[in-house]
Amino acid sequence: MRTFRVSRVGYPKGVLAIYDNGGKTIDRYTVVYTPWELDGVPVFPYVGMSGAPFHPQGFGQHGELVGIRPVRGPGERVIAFSDLPEDCQKLVRSDLAS
């Protein structure tokens, strides 16, 4: 499997990139995880979430893109793990532990 460059130093092992759209949508934050392979094609798991993914009115949803790495969209910026709200960090740590 080919290697993919991590966008920022200091991300937890298993995190490829973290994007923030500044609150333009409910899924403000996107965390892209290290891909795995399916028949030689990379599968990129990710989670999109609001600043309060565990709140009843918050948002946190996982997905996968096959063969296509999620990239920073228009108006999004790459952020540090420490810039994520605490509940978002908690969700990412939970994902990485499973």
N, C-alpha and C. Protein backbone atom coordinates (compact mmCIF):
# COMPACT_ATOMS: atom_id res chain seq x y z
N MET A 1 0.84 -1.18 0.00
CA MET A 1 0.00 0.00 0.00
C MET A 1 0.89 1.24 0.00
N ARG A 2 0.49 2.22 -0.77
CA ARG A 2 1.29 3.44 -0.79
C ARG A 2 1.06 4.24 0.48
N THR A 3 2.01 5.08 0.79
CA THR A 3 1.91 5.89 2.00
C THR A 3 1.32 7.25 1.65
N PHE A 4 0.59 7.80 2.59
CA PHE A 4 -0.02 9.11 2.39
C PHE A 4 0.56 10.06 3.42
N ARG A 5 0.88 11.25 2.96
CA ARG A 5 1.50 12.25 3.82
C ARG A 5 0.48 12.79 4.81
N VAL A 6 0.90 12.86 6.05
CA VAL A 6 0.08 13.47 7.10
C VAL A 6 0.15 14.97 6.93
N SER A 7 -0.99 15.63 7.00
CA SER A 7 -1.04 17.07 6.76
C SER A 7 -0.33 17.89 7.84
N ARG A 8 -0.34 17.41 9.07
CA ARG A 8 0.25 18.19 10.16
C ARG A 8 0.98 17.28 11.13
N VAL A 9 2.09 17.81 11.64
CA VAL A 9 2.80 17.12 12.71
C VAL A 9 1.98 17.29 13.99
N GLY A 10 1.97 16.30 14.83
CA GLY A 10 1.26 16.42 16.09
C GLY A 10 -0.12 15.79 16.08
N TYR A 11 -0.54 15.27 14.95
CA TYR A 11 -1.80 14.54 14.92
C TYR A 11 -1.61 13.20 15.63
N PRO A 12 -2.65 12.68 16.25
CA PRO A 12 -2.54 11.34 16.82
C PRO A 12 -2.25 10.33 15.71
N LYS A 13 -1.55 9.27 16.05
CA LYS A 13 -1.27 8.23 15.07
C LYS A 13 -2.59 7.69 14.55
N GLY A 14 -2.74 7.64 13.23
CA GLY A 14 -3.98 7.18 12.62
C GLY A 14 -4.79 8.31 11.99
N VAL A 15 -4.42 9.57 12.28
CA VAL A 15 -5.12 10.73 11.70
C VAL A 15 -4.28 11.27 10.55
N LEU A 16 -4.91 11.39 9.39
CA LEU A 16 -4.23 11.88 8.20
C LEU A 16 -4.39 13.39 8.03
N ALA A 17 -5.59 13.91 8.32
CA ALA A 17 -5.86 15.34 8.14
C ALA A 17 -7.07 15.75 8.96
N ILE A 18 -7.13 17.04 9.32
CA ILE A 18 -8.29 17.61 10.01
C ILE A 18 -8.63 18.93 9.33
N TYR A 19 -9.90 19.06 8.94
CA TYR A 19 -10.37 20.25 8.23
C TYR A 19 -11.48 20.93 9.02
N ASP A 20 -11.55 22.25 8.91
CA ASP A 20 -12.57 23.06 9.58
C ASP A 20 -13.16 24.03 8.55
N ASN A 21 -14.48 23.99 8.40
CA ASN A 21 -15.11 24.89 7.42
C ASN A 21 -15.60 26.19 8.07
N GLY A 22 -15.22 26.41 9.33
CA GLY A 22 -15.56 27.67 9.99
C GLY A 22 -17.01 27.77 10.43
N GLY A 23 -17.73 26.66 10.44
CA GLY A 23 -19.11 26.66 10.90
C GLY A 23 -20.13 26.92 9.80
N LYS A 24 -19.74 26.78 8.54
CA LYS A 24 -20.67 27.00 7.43
C LYS A 24 -21.75 25.93 7.34
N THR A 25 -21.45 24.73 7.86
CA THR A 25 -22.41 23.63 7.86
C THR A 25 -22.38 22.94 9.21
N ILE A 26 -23.37 22.08 9.46
CA ILE A 26 -23.45 21.36 10.73
C ILE A 26 -22.25 20.43 10.91
N ASP A 27 -21.72 19.90 9.80
CA ASP A 27 -20.53 19.03 9.89
C ASP A 27 -19.28 19.89 9.71
N ARG A 28 -19.09 20.78 10.65
CA ARG A 28 -18.01 21.77 10.58
C ARG A 28 -16.62 21.13 10.47
N TYR A 29 -16.39 20.08 11.23
CA TYR A 29 -15.07 19.45 11.27
C TYR A 29 -15.07 18.12 10.52
N THR A 30 -13.99 17.86 9.78
CA THR A 30 -13.80 16.58 9.12
C THR A 30 -12.43 16.05 9.52
N VAL A 31 -12.42 14.83 10.05
CA VAL A 31 -11.16 14.17 10.41
C VAL A 31 -11.01 12.97 9.48
N VAL A 32 -9.91 12.94 8.74
CA VAL A 32 -9.62 11.86 7.80
C VAL A 32 -8.61 10.93 8.48
N TYR A 33 -8.96 9.64 8.50
CA TYR A 33 -8.10 8.64 9.13
C TYR A 33 -7.20 7.96 8.09
N THR A 34 -6.18 7.27 8.57
CA THR A 34 -5.27 6.53 7.71
C THR A 34 -6.07 5.50 6.91
N PRO A 35 -5.82 5.42 5.61
CA PRO A 35 -6.61 4.49 4.78
C PRO A 35 -6.21 3.03 4.97
N TRP A 36 -7.11 2.16 4.58
CA TRP A 36 -6.85 0.74 4.48
C TRP A 36 -7.11 0.35 3.04
N GLU A 37 -6.77 -0.85 2.64
CA GLU A 37 -6.92 -1.24 1.24
C GLU A 37 -8.01 -2.28 1.03
N LEU A 38 -8.68 -2.15 -0.11
CA LEU A 38 -9.68 -3.11 -0.57
C LEU A 38 -9.31 -3.45 -2.01
N ASP A 39 -8.80 -4.66 -2.21
CA ASP A 39 -8.34 -5.09 -3.54
C ASP A 39 -7.36 -4.10 -4.15
N GLY A 40 -6.44 -3.59 -3.34
CA GLY A 40 -5.41 -2.68 -3.83
C GLY A 40 -5.84 -1.23 -3.97
N VAL A 41 -7.08 -0.93 -3.63
CA VAL A 41 -7.60 0.44 -3.73
C VAL A 41 -7.72 1.02 -2.32
N PRO A 42 -7.19 2.23 -2.09
CA PRO A 42 -7.28 2.80 -0.75
C PRO A 42 -8.71 3.20 -0.39
N VAL A 43 -9.07 2.91 0.86
CA VAL A 43 -10.37 3.30 1.42
C VAL A 43 -10.08 4.27 2.56
N PHE A 44 -10.60 5.48 2.44
CA PHE A 44 -10.33 6.54 3.41
C PHE A 44 -11.51 6.71 4.37
N PRO A 45 -11.38 6.23 5.61
CA PRO A 45 -12.42 6.48 6.61
C PRO A 45 -12.33 7.92 7.11
N TYR A 46 -13.47 8.49 7.44
CA TYR A 46 -13.48 9.86 7.97
C TYR A 46 -14.67 10.02 8.89
N VAL A 47 -14.65 11.08 9.67
CA VAL A 47 -15.81 11.44 10.49
C VAL A 47 -16.04 12.94 10.29
N GLY A 48 -17.30 13.29 10.04
CA GLY A 48 -17.72 14.68 9.98
C GLY A 48 -18.50 14.98 11.24
N MET A 49 -18.28 16.13 11.85
CA MET A 49 -18.95 16.40 13.13
C MET A 49 -19.09 17.88 13.40
N SER A 50 -20.06 18.17 14.24
CA SER A 50 -20.23 19.52 14.76
C SER A 50 -19.29 19.67 15.95
N GLY A 51 -19.31 20.81 16.58
CA GLY A 51 -18.48 21.03 17.76
C GLY A 51 -18.94 20.26 18.98
N ALA A 52 -20.14 19.68 18.91
CA ALA A 52 -20.69 18.91 20.03
C ALA A 52 -21.28 17.60 19.50
N PRO A 53 -20.43 16.67 19.07
CA PRO A 53 -20.94 15.46 18.42
C PRO A 53 -21.75 14.52 19.32
N PHE A 54 -21.65 14.66 20.64
CA PHE A 54 -22.39 13.80 21.55
C PHE A 54 -23.70 14.43 22.03
N HIS A 55 -23.92 15.68 21.71
CA HIS A 55 -25.13 16.39 22.13
C HIS A 55 -26.31 15.90 21.29
N PRO A 56 -27.51 15.80 21.87
CA PRO A 56 -28.68 15.36 21.10
C PRO A 56 -28.93 16.18 19.84
N GLN A 57 -28.55 17.45 19.84
CA GLN A 57 -28.73 18.28 18.65
C GLN A 57 -27.42 18.48 17.89
N GLY A 58 -26.40 17.73 18.29
CA GLY A 58 -25.11 17.79 17.60
C GLY A 58 -25.09 16.82 16.43
N PHE A 59 -23.93 16.70 15.81
CA PHE A 59 -23.79 15.85 14.63
C PHE A 59 -22.44 15.16 14.66
N GLY A 60 -22.42 13.88 14.36
CA GLY A 60 -21.20 13.10 14.22
C GLY A 60 -21.50 11.89 13.36
N GLN A 61 -20.94 11.84 12.17
CA GLN A 61 -21.24 10.74 11.26
C GLN A 61 -19.97 10.26 10.56
N HIS A 62 -19.82 8.94 10.50
CA HIS A 62 -18.66 8.33 9.85
C HIS A 62 -18.99 7.97 8.41
N GLY A 63 -17.95 7.95 7.60
CA GLY A 63 -18.10 7.55 6.21
C GLY A 63 -16.77 7.05 5.67
N GLU A 64 -16.80 6.58 4.45
CA GLU A 64 -15.59 6.12 3.77
C GLU A 64 -15.65 6.54 2.31
N LEU A 65 -14.51 6.92 1.76
CA LEU A 65 -14.40 7.19 0.33
C LEU A 65 -13.44 6.16 -0.25
N VAL A 66 -13.87 5.50 -1.30
CA VAL A 66 -13.07 4.45 -1.92
C VAL A 66 -12.29 5.04 -3.09
N GLY A 67 -10.96 4.95 -3.00
CA GLY A 67 -10.10 5.40 -4.08
C GLY A 67 -9.88 6.90 -4.16
N ILE A 68 -10.56 7.66 -3.31
CA ILE A 68 -10.46 9.12 -3.35
C ILE A 68 -10.20 9.62 -1.93
N ARG A 69 -9.10 10.35 -1.75
CA ARG A 69 -8.82 10.92 -0.44
C ARG A 69 -9.65 12.17 -0.24
N PRO A 70 -10.35 12.27 0.90
CA PRO A 70 -11.05 13.52 1.19
C PRO A 70 -10.03 14.65 1.30
N VAL A 71 -10.27 15.73 0.62
CA VAL A 71 -9.35 16.86 0.64
C VAL A 71 -10.07 18.11 1.14
N ARG A 72 -9.27 19.10 1.44
CA ARG A 72 -9.82 20.37 1.94
C ARG A 72 -10.66 21.02 0.85
N GLY A 73 -11.88 21.36 1.21
CA GLY A 73 -12.78 21.99 0.26
C GLY A 73 -12.63 23.51 0.28
N PRO A 74 -13.34 24.19 -0.62
CA PRO A 74 -13.29 25.65 -0.66
C PRO A 74 -13.73 26.23 0.69
N GLY A 75 -12.96 27.14 1.21
CA GLY A 75 -13.30 27.78 2.48
C GLY A 75 -12.90 26.99 3.70
N GLU A 76 -12.36 25.79 3.53
CA GLU A 76 -11.92 24.99 4.68
C GLU A 76 -10.44 25.26 4.94
N ARG A 77 -10.05 25.05 6.17
CA ARG A 77 -8.64 25.19 6.50
C ARG A 77 -8.19 23.96 7.28
N VAL A 78 -6.92 23.66 7.18
CA VAL A 78 -6.31 22.57 7.93
C VAL A 78 -6.06 23.08 9.34
N ILE A 79 -6.46 22.30 10.34
CA ILE A 79 -6.25 22.73 11.72
C ILE A 79 -5.49 21.65 12.49
N ALA A 80 -4.99 22.04 13.65
CA ALA A 80 -4.29 21.13 14.55
C ALA A 80 -5.33 20.32 15.34
N PHE A 81 -4.92 19.17 15.82
CA PHE A 81 -5.80 18.35 16.65
C PHE A 81 -6.24 19.13 17.88
N SER A 82 -5.33 19.90 18.46
CA SER A 82 -5.65 20.69 19.65
C SER A 82 -6.67 21.79 19.38
N ASP A 83 -6.89 22.14 18.11
CA ASP A 83 -7.89 23.15 17.76
C ASP A 83 -9.31 22.59 17.74
N LEU A 84 -9.44 21.26 17.74
CA LEU A 84 -10.78 20.65 17.79
C LEU A 84 -11.38 20.85 19.18
N PRO A 85 -12.70 21.05 19.28
CA PRO A 85 -13.33 21.09 20.60
C PRO A 85 -13.08 19.78 21.35
N GLU A 86 -13.11 19.82 22.65
CA GLU A 86 -12.79 18.65 23.49
C GLU A 86 -13.64 17.43 23.13
N ASP A 87 -14.95 17.62 22.91
CA ASP A 87 -15.79 16.47 22.56
C ASP A 87 -15.40 15.86 21.21
N CYS A 88 -14.94 16.67 20.28
CA CYS A 88 -14.47 16.16 18.99
C CYS A 88 -13.18 15.35 19.19
N GLN A 89 -12.29 15.86 20.03
CA GLN A 89 -11.07 15.11 20.33
C GLN A 89 -11.42 13.77 20.98
N LYS A 90 -12.40 13.80 21.86
CA LYS A 90 -12.84 12.57 22.53
C LYS A 90 -13.37 11.55 21.52
N LEU A 91 -14.15 12.00 20.55
CA LEU A 91 -14.68 11.11 19.51
C LEU A 91 -13.56 10.50 18.69
N VAL A 92 -12.58 11.32 18.30
CA VAL A 92 -11.45 10.82 17.51
C VAL A 92 -10.65 9.80 18.31
N ARG A 93 -10.37 10.12 19.56
CA ARG A 93 -9.63 9.16 20.41
C ARG A 93 -10.38 7.85 20.55
N SER A 94 -11.68 7.93 20.66
CA SER A 94 -12.51 6.72 20.76
C SER A 94 -12.43 5.91 19.46
N ASP A 95 -12.50 6.58 18.33
CA ASP A 95 -12.38 5.89 17.04
C ASP A 95 -11.04 5.19 16.91
N LEU A 96 -9.98 5.87 17.31
CA LEU A 96 -8.64 5.32 17.16
C LEU A 96 -8.39 4.15 18.12
N ALA A 97 -9.11 4.13 19.23
CA ALA A 97 -8.94 3.05 20.21
C ALA A 97 -9.67 1.78 19.78
N SER A 98 -10.63 1.90 18.87
CA SER A 98 -11.40 0.70 18.48
C SER A 98 -10.83 0.00 17.29
